[in-house]
C-alpha atoms as a PDB file:
ATOM      1  CA  MET A   1     -11.981  -5.328  15.167  1.00  0.00           C
ATOM      2  CA  SER A   2      -8.986  -7.347  16.417  1.00  0.00           C
ATOM      3  CA  ARG A   3      -6.445  -5.425  14.103  1.00  0.00           C
ATOM      4  CA  ARG A   4      -3.559  -3.902  16.048  1.00  0.00           C
ATOM      5  CA  ALA A   5      -0.136  -2.490  15.446  1.00  0.00           C
ATOM      6  CA  THR A   6       2.244  -5.476  15.849  1.00  0.00           C
ATOM      7  CA  LYS A   7       5.678  -4.497  17.384  1.00  0.00           C
ATOM      8  CA  TYR A   8       6.988  -8.144  18.013  1.00  0.00           C
ATOM      9  CA  TYR A   9       7.347 -10.733  15.247  1.00  0.00           C
ATOM     10  CA  ASP A  10       8.410 -14.499  15.194  1.00  0.00           C
ATOM     11  CA  PRO A  11      11.598 -13.849  13.177  1.00  0.00           C
ATOM     12  CA  ASN A  12      11.605 -17.523  12.147  1.00  0.00           C
ATOM     13  CA  ALA A  13       8.360 -17.497  10.629  1.00  0.00           C
ATOM     14  CA  SER A  14       8.045 -16.926   6.788  1.00  0.00           C
ATOM     15  CA  LEU A  15       5.507 -16.424   4.187  1.00  0.00           C
ATOM     16  CA  SER A  16       5.539 -18.020   0.761  1.00  0.00           C
ATOM     17  CA  ASP A  17       5.610 -16.052  -2.275  1.00  0.00           C
ATOM     18  CA  ASP A  18       2.097 -17.329  -3.007  1.00  0.00           C
ATOM     19  CA  GLN A  19       0.925 -15.851   0.437  1.00  0.00           C
ATOM     20  CA  ILE A  20       2.538 -12.478  -0.465  1.00  0.00           C
ATOM     21  CA  ARG A  21       0.930 -12.536  -3.838  1.00  0.00           C
ATOM     22  CA  GLU A  22      -2.342 -13.084  -2.411  1.00  0.00           C
ATOM     23  CA  LEU A  23      -1.830 -10.285  -0.005  1.00  0.00           C
ATOM     24  CA  VAL A  24      -1.100  -7.841  -2.804  1.00  0.00           C
ATOM     25  CA  ARG A  25      -4.081  -9.394  -5.053  1.00  0.00           C
ATOM     26  CA  ILE A  26      -6.404  -8.471  -2.163  1.00  0.00           C
ATOM     27  CA  GLY A  27      -4.752  -5.037  -1.709  1.00  0.00           C
ATOM     28  CA  THR A  28      -5.093  -4.255  -5.196  1.00  0.00           C
ATOM     29  CA  SER A  29      -8.929  -4.952  -5.218  1.00  0.00           C
ATOM     30  CA  ALA A  30      -9.303  -1.637  -3.367  1.00  0.00           C
ATOM     31  CA  PRO A  31     -10.672   1.324  -5.084  1.00  0.00           C
ATOM     32  CA  THR A  32      -8.441   3.778  -7.211  1.00  0.00           C
ATOM     33  CA  SER A  33      -9.285   7.047  -9.007  1.00  0.00           C
ATOM     34  CA  PHE A  34     -10.595   6.429 -12.431  1.00  0.00           C
ATOM     35  CA  HIS A  35      -9.042   2.561 -12.063  1.00  0.00           C
ATOM     36  CA  MET A  36      -5.768   3.927 -12.650  1.00  0.00           C
ATOM     37  CA  GLN A  37      -4.310   1.485 -10.133  1.00  0.00           C
ATOM     38  CA  ASN A  38      -1.323   3.697  -9.638  1.00  0.00           C
ATOM     39  CA  TRP A  39       0.521   1.822  -7.026  1.00  0.00           C
ATOM     40  CA  ARG A  40       3.455  -0.879  -6.580  1.00  0.00           C
ATOM     41  CA  PHE A  41       4.381  -2.926  -3.875  1.00  0.00           C
ATOM     42  CA  ILE A  42       8.052  -3.993  -3.129  1.00  0.00           C
ATOM     43  CA  ALA A  43       8.239  -7.096  -0.843  1.00  0.00           C
ATOM     44  CA  VAL A  44      11.295  -6.796   1.122  1.00  0.00           C
ATOM     45  CA  ARG A  45      11.959 -10.456   2.710  1.00  0.00           C
ATOM     46  CA  THR A  46      15.459 -11.481   2.102  1.00  0.00           C
ATOM     47  CA  PRO A  47      17.821 -10.954   4.838  1.00  0.00           C
ATOM     48  CA  GLU A  48      19.952  -9.013   2.193  1.00  0.00           C
ATOM     49  CA  ALA A  49      17.123  -6.742   1.210  1.00  0.00           C
ATOM     50  CA  LYS A  50      16.070  -6.349   4.848  1.00  0.00           C
ATOM     51  CA  ALA A  51      19.679  -5.341   5.891  1.00  0.00           C
ATOM     52  CA  ARG A  52      19.506  -2.760   2.964  1.00  0.00           C
ATOM     53  CA  LEU A  53      16.092  -1.282   4.237  1.00  0.00           C
ATOM     54  CA  SER A  54      17.097  -1.452   7.900  1.00  0.00           C
ATOM     55  CA  PRO A  55      19.315   1.507   8.409  1.00  0.00           C
ATOM     56  CA  ILE A  56      17.102   3.914   6.324  1.00  0.00           C
ATOM     57  CA  ALA A  57      13.960   2.932   8.152  1.00  0.00           C
ATOM     58  CA  TRP A  58      15.517   3.972  11.455  1.00  0.00           C
ATOM     59  CA  ASN A  59      16.479   0.362  12.359  1.00  0.00           C
ATOM     60  CA  GLN A  60      12.897  -0.525  13.436  1.00  0.00           C
ATOM     61  CA  PRO A  61      12.596  -4.041  14.631  1.00  0.00           C
ATOM     62  CA  PRO A  62       9.833  -5.209  12.255  1.00  0.00           C
ATOM     63  CA  ILE A  63      11.966  -4.532   9.453  1.00  0.00           C
ATOM     64  CA  LYS A  64      14.282  -7.514  10.245  1.00  0.00           C
ATOM     65  CA  ASP A  65      11.706  -9.536  12.272  1.00  0.00           C
ATOM     66  CA  ALA A  66       8.618  -9.611  10.293  1.00  0.00           C
ATOM     67  CA  ALA A  67       8.281 -12.173   7.360  1.00  0.00           C
ATOM     68  CA  VAL A  68       7.791  -9.446   5.025  1.00  0.00           C
ATOM     69  CA  THR A  69       7.970  -5.615   4.760  1.00  0.00           C
ATOM     70  CA  PHE A  70       6.144  -4.064   1.759  1.00  0.00           C
ATOM     71  CA  ILE A  71       7.544  -0.666   0.474  1.00  0.00           C
ATOM     72  CA  VAL A  72       3.961   0.777  -0.513  1.00  0.00           C
ATOM     73  CA  CYS A  73       4.563   3.095  -3.533  1.00  0.00           C
ATOM     74  CA  GLY A  74       1.921   5.402  -4.897  1.00  0.00           C
ATOM     75  CA  GLN A  75       2.351   6.654  -8.395  1.00  0.00           C
ATOM     76  CA  LEU A  76       1.734   9.980  -9.585  1.00  0.00           C
ATOM     77  CA  ALA A  77      -1.541  10.246 -11.193  1.00  0.00           C
ATOM     78  CA  ASP A  78      -1.290   9.995 -15.003  1.00  0.00           C
ATOM     79  CA  SER A  79      -4.546   9.933 -17.034  1.00  0.00           C
ATOM     80  CA  SER A  80      -2.592   8.472 -19.859  1.00  0.00           C
ATOM     81  CA  VAL A  81      -2.876   4.989 -18.351  1.00  0.00           C
ATOM     82  CA  ILE A  82      -6.396   4.965 -18.129  1.00  0.00           C
ATOM     83  CA  PRO A  83      -7.129   3.331 -21.635  1.00  0.00           C
ATOM     84  CA  GLU A  84      -4.683   0.569 -20.770  1.00  0.00           C
ATOM     85  CA  ARG A  85      -6.034   0.093 -17.304  1.00  0.00           C
ATOM     86  CA  LEU A  86      -9.695   0.118 -18.527  1.00  0.00           C
ATOM     87  CA  ALA A  87      -8.996  -2.308 -21.465  1.00  0.00           C
ATOM     88  CA  PRO A  88      -9.598  -5.461 -19.242  1.00  0.00           C
ATOM     89  CA  VAL A  89     -12.757  -3.731 -18.020  1.00  0.00           C
ATOM     90  CA  VAL A  90     -14.039  -3.362 -21.457  1.00  0.00           C
ATOM     91  CA  GLU A  91     -12.751  -6.781 -22.625  1.00  0.00           C
ATOM     92  CA  ALA A  92     -14.947  -8.264 -19.515  1.00  0.00           C
ATOM     93  CA  GLY A  93     -17.985  -6.519 -20.944  1.00  0.00           C
ATOM     94  CA  ILE A  94     -18.242  -4.218 -17.753  1.00  0.00           C
ATOM     95  CA  MET A  95     -17.863  -1.080 -19.779  1.00  0.00           C
ATOM     96  CA  PRO A  96     -18.474  -0.002 -23.322  1.00  0.00           C
ATOM     97  CA  GLU A  97     -15.453   0.976 -25.078  1.00  0.00           C
ATOM     98  CA  THR A  98     -17.008   4.227 -25.925  1.00  0.00           C
ATOM     99  CA  MET A  99     -16.938   5.189 -22.284  1.00  0.00           C
ATOM    100  CA  VAL A 100     -13.388   5.084 -21.929  1.00  0.00           C
ATOM    101  CA  PRO A 101     -12.687   8.626 -23.107  1.00  0.00           C
ATOM    102  CA  GLU A 102     -15.430   9.682 -20.843  1.00  0.00           C
ATOM    103  CA  TRP A 103     -13.016   8.791 -17.899  1.00  0.00           C
ATOM    104  CA  GLU A 104      -9.771   9.695 -19.559  1.00  0.00           C
ATOM    105  CA  ILE A 105     -10.735  13.331 -20.365  1.00  0.00           C
ATOM    106  CA  PRO A 106     -11.954  14.387 -16.867  1.00  0.00           C
ATOM    107  CA  ALA A 107      -8.878  12.731 -15.477  1.00  0.00           C
ATOM    108  CA  ARG A 108      -6.525  14.471 -17.628  1.00  0.00           C
ATOM    109  CA  ASP A 109      -8.335  17.958 -16.617  1.00  0.00           C
ATOM    110  CA  LEU A 110      -8.086  16.945 -12.970  1.00  0.00           C
ATOM    111  CA  TYR A 111      -4.533  15.906 -12.552  1.00  0.00           C
ATOM    112  CA  ARG A 112      -2.489  17.026 -15.670  1.00  0.00           C
ATOM    113  CA  ASN A 113      -1.458  20.529 -14.727  1.00  0.00           C
ATOM    114  CA  TYR A 114      -1.846  19.957 -11.005  1.00  0.00           C
ATOM    115  CA  PRO A 115       1.420  18.302  -9.505  1.00  0.00           C
ATOM    116  CA  GLN A 116       0.076  18.622  -5.876  1.00  0.00           C
ATOM    117  CA  ARG A 117      -3.051  16.533  -7.009  1.00  0.00           C
ATOM    118  CA  GLN A 118      -1.239  13.934  -8.668  1.00  0.00           C
ATOM    119  CA  ARG A 119       0.861  13.513  -5.532  1.00  0.00           C
ATOM    120  CA  ASP A 120      -2.118  13.503  -3.379  1.00  0.00           C
ATOM    121  CA  GLU A 121      -3.705  10.736  -5.412  1.00  0.00           C
ATOM    122  CA  ALA A 122      -0.511   8.815  -5.387  1.00  0.00           C
ATOM    123  CA  VAL A 123      -0.625   8.925  -1.468  1.00  0.00           C
ATOM    124  CA  ARG A 124      -4.344   8.166  -1.361  1.00  0.00           C
ATOM    125  CA  THR A 125      -4.005   5.264  -3.612  1.00  0.00           C
ATOM    126  CA  ALA A 126      -1.178   3.657  -1.850  1.00  0.00           C
ATOM    127  CA  ALA A 127      -2.696   4.338   1.661  1.00  0.00           C
ATOM    128  CA  ILE A 128      -6.097   2.493   0.461  1.00  0.00           C
ATOM    129  CA  GLY A 129      -4.236  -0.334  -0.877  1.00  0.00           C
ATOM    130  CA  ALA A 130      -2.117  -0.800   2.271  1.00  0.00           C
ATOM    131  CA  THR A 131      -5.165  -0.581   4.350  1.00  0.00           C
ATOM    132  CA  ALA A 132      -6.714  -3.376   2.458  1.00  0.00           C
ATOM    133  CA  ILE A 133      -3.565  -5.560   3.038  1.00  0.00           C
ATOM    134  CA  ILE A 134      -3.673  -4.889   6.751  1.00  0.00           C
ATOM    135  CA  TYR A 135      -6.979  -6.158   6.954  1.00  0.00           C
ATOM    136  CA  ALA A 136      -6.420  -9.184   4.676  1.00  0.00           C
ATOM    137  CA  ALA A 137      -3.404 -10.000   7.002  1.00  0.00           C
ATOM    138  CA  ARG A 138      -5.260 -10.031  10.067  1.00  0.00           C
ATOM    139  CA  SER A 139      -8.209 -12.182   8.435  1.00  0.00           C
ATOM    140  CA  LEU A 140      -5.140 -14.781   7.863  1.00  0.00           C
ATOM    141  CA  GLY A 141      -4.185 -14.492  11.287  1.00  0.00           C
ATOM    142  CA  LEU A 142      -1.117 -12.375  10.720  1.00  0.00           C
ATOM    143  CA  GLY A 143      -0.042  -9.168  12.508  1.00  0.00           C
ATOM    144  CA  SER A 144       0.962  -5.845  10.697  1.00  0.00           C
ATOM    145  CA  THR A 145       2.767  -2.654  11.300  1.00  0.00           C
ATOM    146  CA  PRO A 146       2.470   0.378   8.917  1.00  0.00           C
ATOM    147  CA  MET A 147       5.326   2.787   9.486  1.00  0.00           C
ATOM    148  CA  ILE A 148       6.158   6.117   8.160  1.00  0.00           C
ATOM    149  CA  GLY A 149       9.547   6.368   9.930  1.00  0.00           C
ATOM    150  CA  PHE A 150      11.972   6.205   7.036  1.00  0.00           C
ATOM    151  CA  ASP A 151      14.232   8.263   4.728  1.00  0.00           C
ATOM    152  CA  ALA A 152      11.884   8.459   1.665  1.00  0.00           C
ATOM    153  CA  ASP A 153      14.781   9.851  -0.377  1.00  0.00           C
ATOM    154  CA  ALA A 154      17.186   7.094   0.523  1.00  0.00           C
ATOM    155  CA  VAL A 155      14.286   4.419   0.138  1.00  0.00           C
ATOM    156  CA  ALA A 156      13.878   5.780  -3.526  1.00  0.00           C
ATOM    157  CA  ARG A 157      17.416   5.530  -4.348  1.00  0.00           C
ATOM    158  CA  GLU A 158      18.155   2.202  -2.761  1.00  0.00           C
ATOM    159  CA  PHE A 159      15.388   0.336  -4.296  1.00  0.00           C
ATOM    160  CA  ALA A 160      15.350   2.127  -7.611  1.00  0.00           C
ATOM    161  CA  LEU A 161      11.726   3.804  -7.333  1.00  0.00           C
ATOM    162  CA  ALA A 162      10.702   5.558 -10.706  1.00  0.00           C
ATOM    163  CA  GLU A 163      10.611   9.274 -10.902  1.00  0.00           C
ATOM    164  CA  ASN A 164       6.877   9.076 -10.704  1.00  0.00           C
ATOM    165  CA  GLU A 165       6.696   6.817  -7.704  1.00  0.00           C
ATOM    166  CA  VAL A 166       6.287   8.058  -4.066  1.00  0.00           C
ATOM    167  CA  PRO A 167       7.421   5.730  -1.331  1.00  0.00           C
ATOM    168  CA  VAL A 168       4.238   6.313   1.086  1.00  0.00           C
ATOM    169  CA  LEU A 169       4.661   3.920   3.867  1.00  0.00           C
ATOM    170  CA  LEU A 170       6.278   0.698   4.942  1.00  0.00           C
ATOM    171  CA  LEU A 171       4.184  -2.169   5.861  1.00  0.00           C
ATOM    172  CA  SER A 172       5.390  -5.064   7.860  1.00  0.00           C
ATOM    173  CA  ILE A 173       3.582  -8.371   7.640  1.00  0.00           C
ATOM    174  CA  GLY A 174       4.305 -11.522   9.734  1.00  0.00           C
ATOM    175  CA  THR A 175       3.532 -14.051  12.681  1.00  0.00           C
ATOM    176  CA  GLU A 176       3.093 -12.297  15.973  1.00  0.00           C
ATOM    177  CA  ARG A 177       4.994 -13.400  19.023  1.00  0.00           C
ATOM    178  CA  PRO A 178       3.837 -13.014  22.364  1.00  0.00           C
ATOM    179  CA  GLY A 179       3.944  -9.546  24.045  1.00  0.00           C
ATOM    180  CA  ASN A 180       2.116  -7.497  21.559  1.00  0.00           C
ATOM    181  CA  TRP A 181      -0.439  -4.917  23.159  1.00  0.00           C
ATOM    182  CA  ALA A 182      -4.060  -5.316  22.704  1.00  0.00           C
ATOM    183  CA  GLN A 183      -5.772  -2.770  20.219  1.00  0.00           C
ATOM    184  CA  LYS A 184      -5.631   0.448  21.696  1.00  0.00           C
ATOM    185  CA  PRO A 185      -8.891   2.296  22.544  1.00  0.00           C
ATOM    186  CA  ARG A 186     -10.115   4.724  20.031  1.00  0.00           C
ATOM    187  CA  ARG A 187     -11.963   8.113  20.278  1.00  0.00           C
ATOM    188  CA  PRO A 188     -15.584   7.723  20.627  1.00  0.00           C
ATOM    189  CA  VAL A 189     -17.712   7.608  17.526  1.00  0.00           C
ATOM    190  CA  ALA A 190     -19.797  10.467  18.895  1.00  0.00           C
ATOM    191  CA  ASP A 191     -16.450  12.638  18.623  1.00  0.00           C
ATOM    192  CA  VAL A 192     -15.789  11.897  15.146  1.00  0.00           C
ATOM    193  CA  LEU A 193     -19.186  11.562  13.361  1.00  0.00           C
ATOM    194  CA  ASP A 194     -21.622  14.131  12.363  1.00  0.00           C
ATOM    195  CA  PHE A 195     -24.815  13.275  11.105  1.00  0.00           C
ATOM    196  CA  VAL A 196     -26.284  16.067   8.471  1.00  0.00           C
END
């Protein structure tokens, strides 16, 4: 419950490659439809990469000041990846191999001829993974800022996203410096929850 949107970062603080990997490892433990794991995370952390991202992300201060900004990409839902993504699950003895088509066939029917569903799933998957990273970062004492203020086409070009990738959001992570607001009050649960 202490998570908040961080606006002010210590620009001298950094994260190691291992810390960044751990954040993504935790993020990718989040659920995905049919275990497609249709996401990718680009860790923008060098001054050169930050300089490339900043102008196409409206020069928002977290891009340059935070230790890392992830370009969180969702990949269009594609059922053809399911056998490959389920192979480790089968190998670990969690799922019998005969069950793989029982996941692949309905996924193909759900997504193949529906571009909007493919894109919706890319956005859902990326957002759920990013949310897991946000809370993982907070548990490590780090601040985070999810941002949608950027030129998606320019990000896709500048960072060579694949045709099937959607830049869903930017997520800055780093050490907070003084001056950040406390978490803003939320709408009462009674206003957003219905029991049926």
